[in-house]
Protein backbone atom coordinates (compact mmCIF):
# COMPACT_ATOMS: atom_id res chain seq x y z
CA MET A 1 -207.94 76.64 76.57
CA SER A 2 -207.27 77.30 72.97
CA ARG A 3 -210.07 76.76 70.38
CA GLN A 4 -209.69 77.29 66.65
CA VAL A 5 -212.25 76.66 63.85
CA ILE A 6 -210.56 74.63 61.03
CA HIS A 7 -211.75 75.16 57.30
CA SER A 8 -210.55 73.76 54.12
CA ASP A 9 -211.72 74.83 50.65
CA ASN A 10 -210.70 71.35 49.49
CA ALA A 11 -213.57 69.81 51.42
CA PRO A 12 -217.25 70.53 51.26
CA ALA A 13 -218.54 73.65 53.01
CA ALA A 14 -220.58 73.07 56.04
CA ILE A 15 -224.25 72.55 55.08
CA GLY A 16 -225.57 73.46 58.55
CA THR A 17 -224.74 75.17 61.74
CA TYR A 18 -221.40 73.56 62.43
CA SER A 19 -217.69 73.84 61.38
CA GLN A 20 -215.74 71.35 59.41
CA ALA A 21 -213.62 70.79 62.41
CA VAL A 22 -212.64 72.41 65.78
CA LEU A 23 -209.05 72.27 67.13
CA VAL A 24 -208.87 72.37 70.94
CA GLU A 25 -205.30 72.52 72.09
CA LYS A 26 -203.82 69.47 70.18
CA THR A 27 -207.02 67.61 69.59
CA LEU A 28 -209.03 68.03 66.29
CA TYR A 29 -212.66 67.10 66.34
CA LEU A 30 -213.71 66.32 62.71
CA SER A 31 -217.44 67.01 61.90
CA GLY A 32 -219.12 64.29 59.81
CA GLN A 33 -218.13 64.24 56.10
CA ILE A 34 -220.22 62.73 53.32
CA GLY A 35 -219.16 62.19 49.65
CA LEU A 36 -219.84 65.62 48.41
CA HIS A 37 -217.43 67.08 45.91
CA PRO A 38 -216.12 70.26 47.38
CA GLN A 39 -216.40 72.38 44.18
CA THR A 40 -219.79 71.30 43.01
CA MET A 41 -221.32 70.16 46.45
CA GLU A 42 -222.78 67.18 44.39
CA LEU A 43 -222.79 63.71 45.91
CA ALA A 44 -220.32 61.26 44.37
CA ASP A 45 -222.22 58.53 42.25
CA GLY A 46 -222.28 55.14 44.06
CA ILE A 47 -220.98 53.73 47.25
CA GLU A 48 -217.21 53.18 46.14
CA ALA A 49 -216.94 56.79 44.87
CA GLN A 50 -218.63 58.11 48.02
CA ILE A 51 -216.26 56.20 50.28
CA ARG A 52 -213.22 57.50 48.43
CA GLN A 53 -214.61 61.10 48.41
CA VAL A 54 -215.33 60.97 52.21
CA PHE A 55 -211.68 59.94 52.75
CA GLU A 56 -210.49 62.70 50.53
CA ASN A 57 -212.70 65.23 52.36
CA VAL A 58 -211.50 63.93 55.77
CA LYS A 59 -207.93 64.05 54.55
CA SER A 60 -208.31 67.68 53.40
CA VAL A 61 -209.70 68.85 56.67
CA CYS A 62 -206.82 67.13 58.53
CA GLU A 63 -204.34 68.83 56.33
CA ALA A 64 -205.89 72.33 57.04
CA ALA A 65 -205.05 71.68 60.65
CA ASN A 66 -201.46 70.56 59.82
CA ALA A 67 -202.32 66.92 60.37
CA SER A 68 -202.75 63.82 58.29
CA LEU A 69 -204.92 60.67 58.28
CA ALA A 70 -202.18 59.00 60.18
CA ASP A 71 -202.87 61.37 63.11
CA ILE A 72 -206.55 60.15 63.38
CA ALA A 73 -206.96 58.49 66.80
CA LYS A 74 -210.61 57.48 66.41
CA LEU A 75 -212.68 57.17 63.31
CA ASN A 76 -216.45 56.75 63.18
CA ILE A 77 -218.03 55.39 60.04
CA PHE A 78 -221.81 55.46 59.46
CA MET A 79 -223.34 53.40 56.61
CA THR A 80 -226.92 53.08 55.40
CA ASP A 81 -226.09 49.53 54.29
CA LEU A 82 -223.65 47.41 56.37
CA SER A 83 -223.20 45.03 53.40
CA HIS A 84 -220.65 47.71 52.27
CA PHE A 85 -218.48 47.05 55.34
CA GLN A 86 -215.85 45.00 53.57
CA LEU A 87 -215.58 47.65 50.75
CA VAL A 88 -215.01 50.41 53.43
CA ASN A 89 -212.38 48.19 54.86
CA GLN A 90 -210.63 47.60 51.52
CA ILE A 91 -210.60 51.27 50.68
CA MET A 92 -209.54 52.38 54.13
CA GLY A 93 -206.56 50.10 53.60
CA GLU A 94 -205.52 52.24 50.70
CA TYR A 95 -205.53 55.37 52.84
CA PHE A 96 -204.27 54.11 56.23
CA VAL A 97 -201.22 51.99 57.43
CA GLN A 98 -200.76 50.44 60.69
CA PRO A 99 -201.20 51.40 63.47
CA TYR A 100 -204.73 51.86 62.40
CA PRO A 101 -206.98 54.27 64.37
CA ALA A 102 -209.61 53.13 66.73
CA ARG A 103 -212.87 52.77 64.82
CA ALA A 104 -216.58 52.29 65.05
CA ALA A 105 -218.73 51.27 62.04
CA LEU A 106 -222.45 51.74 62.45
CA GLY A 107 -225.46 51.01 60.34
CA VAL A 108 -227.83 53.90 60.36
CA ALA A 109 -231.40 54.40 58.66
CA SER A 110 -230.33 57.50 56.62
CA LEU A 111 -227.77 60.25 56.18
CA PRO A 112 -227.81 63.86 54.98
CA LYS A 113 -228.58 64.47 51.34
CA GLY A 114 -229.15 60.80 50.69
CA ALA A 115 -225.49 59.83 51.34
CA LEU A 116 -224.55 56.25 51.74
CA VAL A 117 -221.61 56.78 54.08
CA GLU A 118 -220.39 59.48 56.58
CA MET A 119 -217.29 59.67 58.70
CA ASP A 120 -216.11 61.73 61.61
CA GLY A 121 -213.24 61.45 63.96
CA ILE A 122 -210.80 62.71 66.52
CA VAL A 123 -207.25 63.65 65.50
CA ILE A 124 -204.19 64.32 67.58
CA VAL A 125 -202.33 67.21 66.01
CA GLY A 126 -198.50 67.60 66.40
């Protein structure tokens, strides 16, 4: 079984004992991304900016594995306030076209660094 760590300089560096993503055969497992700017490692200001930054970070990690957002099979979204669900849907519609990935959206008590949203997922590469 082939296993490869995936890293993108266009996404935030891991802030713990994990990789941005791991590619096993043709399946890419994305670690959670929050709305950190990759160059400054500062959290984007506000929920809309964080959602957009998370999608950009996820996109960058996918691209580092020669994949795209369209290759995401399953996306998990974690929010500290589920009232932002509609905004997530709206912005997701700017990044994805049908057929959309399978998805879960969960409310959580807190996220790393005080983030308002985090996403991880599974991508089929190739």
